[in-house]
């Protein structure tokens, strides 16, 4: 057996070969930008491609000072740098030090042309955007049945709302058959009376996402009666489907966040509304109770029974007043009667008789003088204990 080398030794040897090659140490390569990613570290990862070949490339953050334009899909650029091997992965790539714009790629030109045409037709206008329902219960998904996109949507949707109903149309999202498959998925789910539909896939190059740039797909989304959220690629990826859909989500995960309401937040909202209603009802009840108490008080004050009772009290008061007046009148009259009785007693013949006086009468008439009688007349003398019957034998007139 000959010499045995480790993987690291081989990769290191190949890297030295690349570094010793003068042509690869400072080379300018022309190609179309694809699968461009801006990393949080500041590095730019992209692929240079032409018809049937591609080259992995990277521009580190320290070399970006001379980059005077934002890199995006479909651009034709000239990248100057060195080609070397990344020992860890055993892959060679271009380490770009300088990148200049050399024109737009064919696919990007086609994308811009279709975008301008559809925009002029008004298909991107906000007046055609249907609102996404706040409390969706049935969500349709047009994407591949395998891959990270559908798993992200399912995981986030069920986490936010375990009661959500998800309807997947397993579509082809890349390649020549993708266009018709996506259209069929949109039309099929649109007939199922769903609340909202998510159309999308994971990230990729402009070629990978091209099915979502087809005019037929755009028209299918535009004509869909169900609100559609597009979720194509990563945050930096933009397709025609994003412009024509009712709402664009930067990723499939974000689409699930937008389409499915958080059930716990929903319960908290319900509780807050319930508490608000209870507080409002308590306030209204208290106001009505106070008003009712006032009405009850007014009714008591104006009730026929109370009025009768008041009249009874008035009658009793009047009766008492009358009795007081009557007793007072009786007392006055009694006192006056006593005075009269005293006076009458003083003038009573009987009283006079008891004092030694007598009452002399003739034919039941008082004899007030000698002229009233004559000799031989019968007279009656009343005294205290009886009557004396006498006859006149003599009359003498005395001058007073």
Foldseek 3Di string as FASTA:
>chain_A
DDDDDDLLVVQVVQQVVQCPDPDQAKDKDKFFWKPWDQDPQRKIWTWGDDDPDIFTEIEHNVLCPQPPDDDDGFWIKIFIGGWGADSVVRGIHGHGNDIDTDGGHPLVVVLVVLLVVVVVVVLLPLVLFDDQDQAFQEEEEEEAPDDDLVVLLVVLQCQQPVRHHYHYQHADQADDRRLVRLLVSLVVVLVVPGQEYEYEYEATICRRRVSQQDPSNLVSQSPRPHQYEYAYYAQRDDHSNCSNGNHYDRHSNRVSPVNHHRVVVVVVVVVVVVVVVVVVVVVVVVVVVVVVVVVVVVCCVVPPVVVVVVVVVVVVVVVVVVVVVVVVVVVVVVVVVVVVVVVVCVVPVLNVLVVVAKFKDAPPHGDPALVVDDAQGWMWIGHNPGIDIDGHHDGDHDDD
